[in-house]
Amino acid sequence: MTNPDIRDLGLADANPGCSCCAPGNASVQAETSLVSATETVEADFFVDGMTCSHCVSSVTEELNEIEGVSNVRVDLDAGGTSRVTVASASQLDTDQVRRAIEEAGYALAASS
């Protein structure tokens, strides 16, 4: 069944798939992921007093200022103790993390 309102514009892709995930590049992509995974260290910290997305943004911004930090993920527990996972190129100095969290206006809590 054909629809007369649909016209072929001649834009068919002769080589489907992008350059990073085309079948011939699968091994390169896997190798890159493996290298990245071995170079990243993740650490969990617990923060008291965060209640909203603005709190998350403030803490994330301060932690991203620490040299080597590549990612910050926050599991918000509004009004409770939130888990903050920080990925970095090397082991983080807890005192430096504490200062960053305090600069954002919050307190580093004991591990849960």
PDB file of N, CA and C in Angstrom:
ATOM      1  N   MET A   1       0.845  -1.163   0.000  1.00  0.00           N
ATOM      2  CA  MET A   1       0.000   0.000   0.000  1.00  0.00           C
ATOM      3  C   MET A   1       0.895   1.231   0.000  1.00  0.00           C
ATOM      4  N   THR A   2       0.688   2.126  -0.920  1.00  0.00           N
ATOM      5  CA  THR A   2       1.499   3.327  -1.008  1.00  0.00           C
ATOM      6  C   THR A   2       0.652   4.545  -0.709  1.00  0.00           C
ATOM      7  N   ASN A   3       1.298   5.561  -0.153  1.00  0.00           N
ATOM      8  CA  ASN A   3       0.619   6.803   0.177  1.00  0.00           C
ATOM      9  C   ASN A   3       1.084   7.859  -0.814  1.00  0.00           C
ATOM     10  N   PRO A   4       0.179   8.451  -1.603  1.00  0.00           N
ATOM     11  CA  PRO A   4       0.589   9.436  -2.605  1.00  0.00           C
ATOM     12  C   PRO A   4       1.162  10.716  -1.989  1.00  0.00           C
ATOM     13  N   ASP A   5       0.939  10.957  -0.691  1.00  0.00           N
ATOM     14  CA  ASP A   5       1.454  12.163  -0.048  1.00  0.00           C
ATOM     15  C   ASP A   5       2.905  12.018   0.415  1.00  0.00           C
ATOM     16  N   ILE A   6       3.436  10.805   0.384  1.00  0.00           N
ATOM     17  CA  ILE A   6       4.809  10.570   0.817  1.00  0.00           C
ATOM     18  C   ILE A   6       5.687  10.445  -0.416  1.00  0.00           C
ATOM     19  N   ARG A   7       6.730  11.275  -0.488  1.00  0.00           N
ATOM     20  CA  ARG A   7       7.628  11.251  -1.637  1.00  0.00           C
ATOM     21  C   ARG A   7       9.027  10.854  -1.179  1.00  0.00           C
ATOM     22  N   ASP A   8       9.661  10.013  -1.952  1.00  0.00           N
ATOM     23  CA  ASP A   8      11.050   9.639  -1.687  1.00  0.00           C
ATOM     24  C   ASP A   8      11.945  10.800  -2.097  1.00  0.00           C
ATOM     25  N   LEU A   9      12.717  11.313  -1.144  1.00  0.00           N
ATOM     26  CA  LEU A   9      13.597  12.438  -1.414  1.00  0.00           C
ATOM     27  C   LEU A   9      14.983  11.997  -1.855  1.00  0.00           C
ATOM     28  N   GLY A  10      15.211  10.717  -1.938  1.00  0.00           N
ATOM     29  CA  GLY A  10      16.500  10.215  -2.390  1.00  0.00           C
ATOM     30  C   GLY A  10      17.595  10.366  -1.358  1.00  0.00           C
ATOM     31  N   LEU A  11      17.231  10.373  -0.099  1.00  0.00           N
ATOM     32  CA  LEU A  11      18.210  10.575   0.969  1.00  0.00           C
ATOM     33  C   LEU A  11      18.562   9.284   1.694  1.00  0.00           C
ATOM     34  N   ALA A  12      18.370   8.158   1.065  1.00  0.00           N
ATOM     35  CA  ALA A  12      18.679   6.875   1.692  1.00  0.00           C
ATOM     36  C   ALA A  12      20.166   6.802   2.008  1.00  0.00           C
ATOM     37  N   ASP A  13      20.494   6.271   3.172  1.00  0.00           N
ATOM     38  CA  ASP A  13      21.880   6.160   3.619  1.00  0.00           C
ATOM     39  C   ASP A  13      22.487   4.883   3.057  1.00  0.00           C
ATOM     40  N   ALA A  14      23.478   5.026   2.209  1.00  0.00           N
ATOM     41  CA  ALA A  14      24.127   3.869   1.597  1.00  0.00           C
ATOM     42  C   ALA A  14      25.047   3.160   2.582  1.00  0.00           C
ATOM     43  N   ASN A  15      25.461   3.834   3.651  1.00  0.00           N
ATOM     44  CA  ASN A  15      26.379   3.273   4.628  1.00  0.00           C
ATOM     45  C   ASN A  15      25.805   3.517   6.030  1.00  0.00           C
ATOM     46  N   PRO A  16      24.811   2.712   6.468  1.00  0.00           N
ATOM     47  CA  PRO A  16      24.155   2.961   7.747  1.00  0.00           C
ATOM     48  C   PRO A  16      25.120   2.792   8.926  1.00  0.00           C
ATOM     49  N   GLY A  17      24.838   3.516   9.983  1.00  0.00           N
ATOM     50  CA  GLY A  17      25.659   3.457  11.185  1.00  0.00           C
ATOM     51  C   GLY A  17      26.652   4.603  11.200  1.00  0.00           C
ATOM     52  N   CYS A  18      26.908   5.136  12.359  1.00  0.00           N
ATOM     53  CA  CYS A  18      27.873   6.225  12.455  1.00  0.00           C
ATOM     54  C   CYS A  18      29.290   5.666  12.541  1.00  0.00           C
ATOM     55  N   SER A  19      30.268   6.525  12.434  1.00  0.00           N
ATOM     56  CA  SER A  19      31.649   6.054  12.384  1.00  0.00           C
ATOM     57  C   SER A  19      32.103   5.408  13.689  1.00  0.00           C
ATOM     58  N   CYS A  20      31.505   5.799  14.800  1.00  0.00           N
ATOM     59  CA  CYS A  20      31.969   5.234  16.072  1.00  0.00           C
ATOM     60  C   CYS A  20      31.371   3.864  16.369  1.00  0.00           C
ATOM     61  N   CYS A  21      30.230   3.545  15.772  1.00  0.00           N
ATOM     62  CA  CYS A  21      29.623   2.252  16.095  1.00  0.00           C
ATOM     63  C   CYS A  21      29.345   1.397  14.862  1.00  0.00           C
ATOM     64  N   ALA A  22      29.939   1.754  13.732  1.00  0.00           N
ATOM     65  CA  ALA A  22      29.807   0.929  12.538  1.00  0.00           C
ATOM     66  C   ALA A  22      30.437  -0.427  12.829  1.00  0.00           C
ATOM     67  N   PRO A  23      29.958  -1.484  12.222  1.00  0.00           N
ATOM     68  CA  PRO A  23      30.462  -2.830  12.525  1.00  0.00           C
ATOM     69  C   PRO A  23      31.982  -2.960  12.484  1.00  0.00           C
ATOM     70  N   GLY A  24      32.647  -2.275  11.593  1.00  0.00           N
ATOM     71  CA  GLY A  24      34.098  -2.381  11.496  1.00  0.00           C
ATOM     72  C   GLY A  24      34.834  -1.720  12.653  1.00  0.00           C
ATOM     73  N   ASN A  25      34.164  -0.877  13.417  1.00  0.00           N
ATOM     74  CA  ASN A  25      34.812  -0.144  14.504  1.00  0.00           C
ATOM     75  C   ASN A  25      34.461  -0.668  15.891  1.00  0.00           C
ATOM     76  N   ALA A  26      33.789  -1.796  15.979  1.00  0.00           N
ATOM     77  CA  ALA A  26      33.350  -2.317  17.268  1.00  0.00           C
ATOM     78  C   ALA A  26      34.514  -2.565  18.219  1.00  0.00           C
ATOM     79  N   SER A  27      35.618  -3.096  17.711  1.00  0.00           N
ATOM     80  CA  SER A  27      36.741  -3.392  18.598  1.00  0.00           C
ATOM     81  C   SER A  27      37.398  -2.116  19.115  1.00  0.00           C
ATOM     82  N   VAL A  28      37.429  -1.068  18.314  1.00  0.00           N
ATOM     83  CA  VAL A  28      38.001   0.201  18.754  1.00  0.00           C
ATOM     84  C   VAL A  28      37.154   0.788  19.864  1.00  0.00           C
ATOM     85  N   GLN A  29      35.823   0.739  19.711  1.00  0.00           N
ATOM     86  CA  GLN A  29      34.932   1.275  20.720  1.00  0.00           C
ATOM     87  C   GLN A  29      35.085   0.500  22.034  1.00  0.00           C
ATOM     88  N   ALA A  30      35.143  -0.817  21.983  1.00  0.00           N
ATOM     89  CA  ALA A  30      35.285  -1.620  23.183  1.00  0.00           C
ATOM     90  C   ALA A  30      36.617  -1.348  23.862  1.00  0.00           C
ATOM     91  N   GLU A  31      37.667  -1.192  23.100  1.00  0.00           N
ATOM     92  CA  GLU A  31      38.986  -0.931  23.659  1.00  0.00           C
ATOM     93  C   GLU A  31      39.020   0.423  24.360  1.00  0.00           C
ATOM     94  N   THR A  32      38.391   1.431  23.764  1.00  0.00           N
ATOM     95  CA  THR A  32      38.337   2.759  24.366  1.00  0.00           C
ATOM     96  C   THR A  32      37.585   2.708  25.685  1.00  0.00           C
ATOM     97  N   SER A  33      36.461   1.990  25.732  1.00  0.00           N
ATOM     98  CA  SER A  33      35.698   1.878  26.964  1.00  0.00           C
ATOM     99  C   SER A  33      36.507   1.187  28.049  1.00  0.00           C
ATOM    100  N   LEU A  34      37.258   0.176  27.700  1.00  0.00           N
ATOM    101  CA  LEU A  34      38.070  -0.548  28.663  1.00  0.00           C
ATOM    102  C   LEU A  34      39.143   0.358  29.254  1.00  0.00           C
ATOM    103  N   VAL A  35      39.796   1.144  28.432  1.00  0.00           N
ATOM    104  CA  VAL A  35      40.826   2.053  28.921  1.00  0.00           C
ATOM    105  C   VAL A  35      40.216   3.074  29.864  1.00  0.00           C
ATOM    106  N   SER A  36      39.058   3.645  29.509  1.00  0.00           N
ATOM    107  CA  SER A  36      38.404   4.640  30.347  1.00  0.00           C
ATOM    108  C   SER A  36      38.013   4.049  31.697  1.00  0.00           C
ATOM    109  N   ALA A  37      37.513   2.821  31.684  1.00  0.00           N
ATOM    110  CA  ALA A  37      37.061   2.199  32.925  1.00  0.00           C
ATOM    111  C   ALA A  37      38.224   1.961  33.880  1.00  0.00           C
ATOM    112  N   THR A  38      39.393   1.634  33.380  1.00  0.00           N
ATOM    113  CA  THR A  38      40.512   1.350  34.264  1.00  0.00           C
ATOM    114  C   THR A  38      41.168   2.619  34.798  1.00  0.00           C
ATOM    115  N   GLU A  39      40.926   3.762  34.166  1.00  0.00           N
ATOM    116  CA  GLU A  39      41.544   5.001  34.586  1.00  0.00           C
ATOM    117  C   GLU A  39      40.674   5.821  35.530  1.00  0.00           C
ATOM    118  N   THR A  40      39.474   5.364  35.839  1.00  0.00           N
ATOM    119  CA  THR A  40      38.549   6.118  36.675  1.00  0.00           C
ATOM    120  C   THR A  40      38.372   5.444  38.025  1.00  0.00           C
ATOM    121  N   VAL A  41      38.431   6.263  39.070  1.00  0.00           N
ATOM    122  CA  VAL A  41      38.202   5.797  40.436  1.00  0.00           C
ATOM    123  C   VAL A  41      36.909   6.435  40.914  1.00  0.00           C
ATOM    124  N   GLU A  42      36.012   5.636  41.477  1.00  0.00           N
ATOM    125  CA  GLU A  42      34.767   6.171  42.021  1.00  0.00           C
ATOM    126  C   GLU A  42      34.786   6.066  43.540  1.00  0.00           C
ATOM    127  N   ALA A  43      34.238   7.100  44.189  1.00  0.00           N
ATOM    128  CA  ALA A  43      34.135   7.096  45.645  1.00  0.00           C
ATOM    129  C   ALA A  43      32.773   7.660  46.031  1.00  0.00           C
ATOM    130  N   ASP A  44      32.164   7.069  47.050  1.00  0.00           N
ATOM    131  CA  ASP A  44      30.881   7.540  47.563  1.00  0.00           C
ATOM    132  C   ASP A  44      31.115   8.395  48.802  1.00  0.00           C
ATOM    133  N   PHE A  45      30.383   9.503  48.854  1.00  0.00           N
ATOM    134  CA  PHE A  45      30.397  10.375  50.018  1.00  0.00           C
ATOM    135  C   PHE A  45      28.945  10.612  50.398  1.00  0.00           C
ATOM    136  N   PHE A  46      28.712  10.902  51.667  1.00  0.00           N
ATOM    137  CA  PHE A  46      27.356  11.120  52.144  1.00  0.00           C
ATOM    138  C   PHE A  46      27.251  12.555  52.648  1.00  0.00           C
ATOM    139  N   VAL A  47      26.181  13.228  52.194  1.00  0.00           N
ATOM    140  CA  VAL A  47      26.028  14.648  52.461  1.00  0.00           C
ATOM    141  C   VAL A  47      24.690  14.896  53.139  1.00  0.00           C
ATOM    142  N   ASP A  48      24.729  15.653  54.237  1.00  0.00           N
ATOM    143  CA  ASP A  48      23.519  16.026  54.964  1.00  0.00           C
ATOM    144  C   ASP A  48      23.025  17.387  54.506  1.00  0.00           C
ATOM    145  N   GLY A  49      21.691  17.543  54.516  1.00  0.00           N
ATOM    146  CA  GLY A  49      21.087  18.853  54.320  1.00  0.00           C
ATOM    147  C   GLY A  49      20.623  19.197  52.920  1.00  0.00           C
ATOM    148  N   MET A  50      20.854  18.356  51.953  1.00  0.00           N
ATOM    149  CA  MET A  50      20.419  18.650  50.593  1.00  0.00           C
ATOM    150  C   MET A  50      18.923  18.350  50.472  1.00  0.00           C
ATOM    151  N   THR A  51      18.166  19.280  49.857  1.00  0.00           N
ATOM    152  CA  THR A  51      16.716  19.101  49.790  1.00  0.00           C
ATOM    153  C   THR A  51      16.133  19.200  48.379  1.00  0.00           C
ATOM    154  N   CYS A  52      16.896  19.724  47.405  1.00  0.00           N
ATOM    155  CA  CYS A  52      16.302  19.971  46.090  1.00  0.00           C
ATOM    156  C   CYS A  52      17.360  19.925  44.984  1.00  0.00           C
ATOM    157  N   SER A  53      16.913  20.170  43.756  1.00  0.00           N
ATOM    158  CA  SER A  53      17.826  20.136  42.622  1.00  0.00           C
ATOM    159  C   SER A  53      18.858  21.261  42.680  1.00  0.00           C
ATOM    160  N   HIS A  54      18.529  22.383  43.296  1.00  0.00           N
ATOM    161  CA  HIS A  54      19.505  23.465  43.441  1.00  0.00           C
ATOM    162  C   HIS A  54      20.641  23.018  44.355  1.00  0.00           C
ATOM    163  N   CYS A  55      20.312  22.282  45.408  1.00  0.00           N
ATOM    164  CA  CYS A  55      21.334  21.732  46.308  1.00  0.00           C
ATOM    165  C   CYS A  55      22.261  20.793  45.527  1.00  0.00           C
ATOM    166  N   VAL A  56      21.663  19.936  44.716  1.00  0.00           N
ATOM    167  CA  VAL A  56      22.433  18.988  43.903  1.00  0.00           C
ATOM    168  C   VAL A  56      23.362  19.757  42.974  1.00  0.00           C
ATOM    169  N   SER A  57      22.843  20.782  42.344  1.00  0.00           N
ATOM    170  CA  SER A  57      23.631  21.591  41.419  1.00  0.00           C
ATOM    171  C   SER A  57      24.807  22.262  42.130  1.00  0.00           C
ATOM    172  N   SER A  58      24.566  22.808  43.318  1.00  0.00           N
ATOM    173  CA  SER A  58      25.629  23.491  44.069  1.00  0.00           C
ATOM    174  C   SER A  58      26.752  22.538  44.457  1.00  0.00           C
ATOM    175  N   VAL A  59      26.393  21.378  44.968  1.00  0.00           N
ATOM    176  CA  VAL A  59      27.390  20.385  45.377  1.00  0.00           C
ATOM    177  C   VAL A  59      28.144  19.874  44.154  1.00  0.00           C
ATOM    178  N   THR A  60      27.410  19.577  43.083  1.00  0.00           N
ATOM    179  CA  THR A  60      28.031  19.079  41.859  1.00  0.00           C
ATOM    180  C   THR A  60      29.028  20.090  41.302  1.00  0.00           C
ATOM    181  N   GLU A  61      28.651  21.345  41.279  1.00  0.00           N
ATOM    182  CA  GLU A  61      29.529  22.407  40.757  1.00  0.00           C
ATOM    183  C   GLU A  61      30.818  22.498  41.573  1.00  0.00           C
ATOM    184  N   GLU A  62      30.716  22.474  42.884  1.00  0.00           N
ATOM    185  CA  GLU A  62      31.911  22.570  43.733  1.00  0.00           C
ATOM    186  C   GLU A  62      32.819  21.351  43.573  1.00  0.00           C
ATOM    187  N   LEU A  63      32.229  20.166  43.512  1.00  0.00           N
ATOM    188  CA  LEU A  63      33.032  18.949  43.378  1.00  0.00           C
ATOM    189  C   LEU A  63      33.709  18.877  42.009  1.00  0.00           C
ATOM    190  N   ASN A  64      33.059  19.387  40.984  1.00  0.00           N
ATOM    191  CA  ASN A  64      33.665  19.388  39.652  1.00  0.00           C
ATOM    192  C   ASN A  64      34.859  20.327  39.563  1.00  0.00           C
ATOM    193  N   GLU A  65      35.023  21.214  40.527  1.00  0.00           N
ATOM    194  CA  GLU A  65      36.174  22.116  40.563  1.00  0.00           C
ATOM    195  C   GLU A  65      37.450  21.404  41.031  1.00  0.00           C
ATOM    196  N   ILE A  66      37.296  20.244  41.661  1.00  0.00           N
ATOM    197  CA  ILE A  66      38.459  19.486  42.136  1.00  0.00           C
ATOM    198  C   ILE A  66      39.171  18.882  40.932  1.00  0.00           C
ATOM    199  N   GLU A  67      40.466  19.071  40.874  1.00  0.00           N
ATOM    200  CA  GLU A  67      41.259  18.566  39.754  1.00  0.00           C
ATOM    201  C   GLU A  67      41.114  17.056  39.628  1.00  0.00           C
ATOM    202  N   GLY A  68      40.844  16.594  38.416  1.00  0.00           N
ATOM    203  CA  GLY A  68      40.728  15.162  38.133  1.00  0.00           C
ATOM    204  C   GLY A  68      39.312  14.627  38.175  1.00  0.00           C
ATOM    205  N   VAL A  69      38.365  15.380  38.754  1.00  0.00           N
ATOM    206  CA  VAL A  69      36.982  14.901  38.827  1.00  0.00           C
ATOM    207  C   VAL A  69      36.372  14.928  37.435  1.00  0.00           C
ATOM    208  N   SER A  70      35.822  13.784  37.026  1.00  0.00           N
ATOM    209  CA  SER A  70      35.237  13.680  35.693  1.00  0.00           C
ATOM    210  C   SER A  70      33.719  13.555  35.726  1.00  0.00           C
ATOM    211  N   ASN A  71      33.150  13.150  36.858  1.00  0.00           N
ATOM    212  CA  ASN A  71      31.705  12.977  36.936  1.00  0.00           C
ATOM    213  C   ASN A  71      31.267  13.004  38.395  1.00  0.00           C
ATOM    214  N   VAL A  72      30.100  13.614  38.622  1.00  0.00           N
ATOM    215  CA  VAL A  72      29.491  13.625  39.953  1.00  0.00           C
ATOM    216  C   VAL A  72      28.047  13.173  39.782  1.00  0.00           C
ATOM    217  N   ARG A  73      27.636  12.185  40.560  1.00  0.00           N
ATOM    218  CA  ARG A  73      26.263  11.677  40.523  1.00  0.00           C
ATOM    219  C   ARG A  73      25.694  11.769  41.931  1.00  0.00           C
ATOM    220  N   VAL A  74      24.497  12.350  42.074  1.00  0.00           N
ATOM    221  CA  VAL A  74      23.888  12.532  43.384  1.00  0.00           C
ATOM    222  C   VAL A  74      22.583  11.758  43.447  1.00  0.00           C
ATOM    223  N   ASP A  75      22.458  10.926  44.477  1.00  0.00           N
ATOM    224  CA  ASP A  75      21.193  10.254  44.780  1.00  0.00           C
ATOM    225  C   ASP A  75      20.589  11.038  45.938  1.00  0.00           C
ATOM    226  N   LEU A  76      19.692  11.972  45.612  1.00  0.00           N
ATOM    227  CA  LEU A  76      19.135  12.898  46.582  1.00  0.00           C
ATOM    228  C   LEU A  76      18.159  12.204  47.516  1.00  0.00           C
ATOM    229  N   ASP A  77      18.353  12.411  48.809  1.00  0.00           N
ATOM    230  CA  ASP A  77      17.416  12.001  49.849  1.00  0.00           C
ATOM    231  C   ASP A  77      17.019  13.305  50.535  1.00  0.00           C
ATOM    232  N   ALA A  78      15.974  13.947  49.997  1.00  0.00           N
ATOM    233  CA  ALA A  78      15.579  15.285  50.449  1.00  0.00           C
ATOM    234  C   ALA A  78      15.414  15.336  51.961  1.00  0.00           C
ATOM    235  N   GLY A  79      16.224  16.162  52.595  1.00  0.00           N
ATOM    236  CA  GLY A  79      16.164  16.339  54.034  1.00  0.00           C
ATOM    237  C   GLY A  79      16.912  15.272  54.817  1.00  0.00           C
ATOM    238  N   GLY A  80      17.396  14.257  54.133  1.00  0.00           N
ATOM    239  CA  GLY A  80      18.128  13.190  54.800  1.00  0.00           C
ATOM    240  C   GLY A  80      19.600  13.225  54.401  1.00  0.00           C
ATOM    241  N   THR A  81      20.181  12.051  54.290  1.00  0.00           N
ATOM    242  CA  THR A  81      21.577  11.938  53.886  1.00  0.00           C
ATOM    243  C   THR A  81      21.623  11.448  52.442  1.00  0.00           C
ATOM    244  N   SER A  82      22.164  12.272  51.559  1.00  0.00           N
ATOM    245  CA  SER A  82      22.240  11.947  50.132  1.00  0.00           C
ATOM    246  C   SER A  82      23.573  11.299  49.807  1.00  0.00           C
ATOM    247  N   ARG A  83      23.551  10.357  48.870  1.00  0.00           N
ATOM    248  CA  ARG A  83      24.775   9.696  48.411  1.00  0.00           C
ATOM    249  C   ARG A  83      25.312  10.476  47.214  1.00  0.00           C
ATOM    250  N   VAL A  84      26.581  10.849  47.271  1.00  0.00           N
ATOM    251  CA  VAL A  84      27.241  11.556  46.184  1.00  0.00           C
ATOM    252  C   VAL A  84      28.385  10.676  45.699  1.00  0.00           C
ATOM    253  N   THR A  85      28.312  10.252  44.452  1.00  0.00           N
ATOM    254  CA  THR A  85      29.346   9.415  43.864  1.00  0.00           C
ATOM    255  C   THR A  85      30.199  10.286  42.957  1.00  0.00           C
ATOM    256  N   VAL A  86      31.490  10.288  43.229  1.00  0.00           N
ATOM    257  CA  VAL A  86      32.424  11.123  42.484  1.00  0.00           C
ATOM    258  C   VAL A  86      33.388  10.222  41.730  1.00  0.00           C
ATOM    259  N   ALA A  87      33.478  10.440  40.420  1.00  0.00           N
ATOM    260  CA  ALA A  87      34.435   9.714  39.581  1.00  0.00           C
ATOM    261  C   ALA A  87      35.595  10.651  39.287  1.00  0.00           C
ATOM    262  N   SER A  88      36.802  10.116  39.430  1.00  0.00           N
ATOM    263  CA  SER A  88      37.982  10.944  39.189  1.00  0.00           C
ATOM    264  C   SER A  88      39.108  10.105  38.602  1.00  0.00           C
ATOM    265  N   ALA A  89      40.119  10.821  38.139  1.00  0.00           N
ATOM    266  CA  ALA A  89      41.265  10.159  37.525  1.00  0.00           C
ATOM    267  C   ALA A  89      42.140   9.463  38.560  1.00  0.00           C
ATOM    268  N   SER A  90      42.045   9.880  39.820  1.00  0.00           N
ATOM    269  CA  SER A  90      42.844   9.266  40.881  1.00  0.00           C
ATOM    270  C   SER A  90      42.070   9.335  42.195  1.00  0.00           C
ATOM    271  N   GLN A  91      42.618   8.697  43.204  1.00  0.00           N
ATOM    272  CA  GLN A  91      42.000   8.686  44.532  1.00  0.00           C
ATOM    273  C   GLN A  91      41.814  10.116  45.020  1.00  0.00           C
ATOM    274  N   LEU A  92      40.633  10.416  45.571  1.00  0.00           N
ATOM    275  CA  LEU A  92      40.342  11.763  46.049  1.00  0.00           C
ATOM    276  C   LEU A  92      40.781  11.955  47.494  1.00  0.00           C
ATOM    277  N   ASP A  93      41.189  13.167  47.809  1.00  0.00           N
ATOM    278  CA  ASP A  93      41.524  13.554  49.174  1.00  0.00           C
ATOM    279  C   ASP A  93      40.219  13.916  49.887  1.00  0.00           C
ATOM    280  N   THR A  94      39.869  13.182  50.939  1.00  0.00           N
ATOM    281  CA  THR A  94      38.612  13.397  51.651  1.00  0.00           C
ATOM    282  C   THR A  94      38.505  14.818  52.191  1.00  0.00           C
ATOM    283  N   ASP A  95      39.605  15.395  52.658  1.00  0.00           N
ATOM    284  CA  ASP A  95      39.566  16.769  53.157  1.00  0.00           C
ATOM    285  C   ASP A  95      39.218  17.751  52.044  1.00  0.00           C
ATOM    286  N   GLN A  96      39.713  17.510  50.858  1.00  0.00           N
ATOM    287  CA  GLN A  96      39.401  18.372  49.721  1.00  0.00           C
ATOM    288  C   GLN A  96      37.917  18.248  49.357  1.00  0.00           C
ATOM    289  N   VAL A  97      37.388  17.040  49.395  1.00  0.00           N
ATOM    290  CA  VAL A  97      35.969  16.811  49.125  1.00  0.00           C
ATOM    291  C   VAL A  97      35.132  17.498  50.201  1.00  0.00           C
ATOM    292  N   ARG A  98      35.536  17.365  51.467  1.00  0.00           N
ATOM    293  CA  ARG A  98      34.815  17.994  52.576  1.00  0.00           C
ATOM    294  C   ARG A  98      34.759  19.515  52.378  1.00  0.00           C
ATOM    295  N   ARG A  99      35.892  20.109  52.027  1.00  0.00           N
ATOM    296  CA  ARG A  99      35.932  21.562  51.815  1.00  0.00           C
ATOM    297  C   ARG A  99      34.998  21.981  50.674  1.00  0.00           C
ATOM    298  N   ALA A 100      34.972  21.211  49.604  1.00  0.00           N
ATOM    299  CA  ALA A 100      34.104  21.528  48.463  1.00  0.00           C
ATOM    300  C   ALA A 100      32.631  21.456  48.865  1.00  0.00           C
ATOM    301  N   ILE A 101      32.276  20.430  49.614  1.00  0.00           N
ATOM    302  CA  ILE A 101      30.885  20.268  50.057  1.00  0.00           C
ATOM    303  C   ILE A 101      30.504  21.388  51.021  1.00  0.00           C
ATOM    304  N   GLU A 102      31.404  21.748  51.918  1.00  0.00           N
ATOM    305  CA  GLU A 102      31.137  22.845  52.846  1.00  0.00           C
ATOM    306  C   GLU A 102      31.050  24.183  52.113  1.00  0.00           C
ATOM    307  N   GLU A 103      31.853  24.363  51.069  1.00  0.00           N
ATOM    308  CA  GLU A 103      31.796  25.583  50.256  1.00  0.00           C
ATOM    309  C   GLU A 103      30.409  25.716  49.613  1.00  0.00           C
ATOM    310  N   ALA A 104      29.808  24.583  49.278  1.00  0.00           N
ATOM    311  CA  ALA A 104      28.468  24.582  48.688  1.00  0.00           C
ATOM    312  C   ALA A 104      27.399  24.827  49.755  1.00  0.00           C
ATOM    313  N   GLY A 105      27.776  24.749  51.036  1.00  0.00           N
ATOM    314  CA  GLY A 105      26.837  25.022  52.113  1.00  0.00           C
ATOM    315  C   GLY A 105      26.267  23.795  52.802  1.00  0.00           C
ATOM    316  N   TYR A 106      26.920  22.669  52.646  1.00  0.00           N
ATOM    317  CA  TYR A 106      26.409  21.414  53.209  1.00  0.00           C
ATOM    318  C   TYR A 106      27.489  20.736  54.044  1.00  0.00           C
ATOM    319  N   ALA A 107      27.128  19.620  54.659  1.00  0.00           N
ATOM    320  CA  ALA A 107      28.072  18.934  55.538  1.00  0.00           C
ATOM    321  C   ALA A 107      28.289  17.499  55.087  1.00  0.00           C
ATOM    322  N   LEU A 108      29.539  17.079  55.101  1.00  0.00           N
ATOM    323  CA  LEU A 108      29.873  15.689  54.825  1.00  0.00           C
ATOM    324  C   LEU A 108      29.458  14.870  56.037  1.00  0.00           C
ATOM    325  N   ALA A 109      28.702  13.823  55.805  1.00  0.00           N
ATOM    326  CA  ALA A 109      28.189  12.984  56.884  1.00  0.00           C
ATOM    327  C   ALA A 109      29.028  11.722  56.995  1.00  0.00           C
ATOM    328  N   ALA A 110      28.815  10.991  58.070  1.00  0.00           N
ATOM    329  CA  ALA A 110      29.473   9.698  58.250  1.00  0.00           C
ATOM    330  C   ALA A 110      28.886   8.720  57.239  1.00  0.00           C
ATOM    331  N   SER A 111      29.639   7.713  56.814  1.00  0.00           N
ATOM    332  CA  SER A 111      29.165   6.708  55.855  1.00  0.00           C
ATOM    333  C   SER A 111      27.943   6.002  56.382  1.00  0.00           C
ATOM    334  N   SER A 112      27.013   5.702  55.468  1.00  0.00           N
ATOM    335  CA  SER A 112      25.800   4.970  55.857  1.00  0.00           C
ATOM    336  C   SER A 112      25.958   3.497  55.587  1.00  0.00           C
TER     337      SER A 112
END
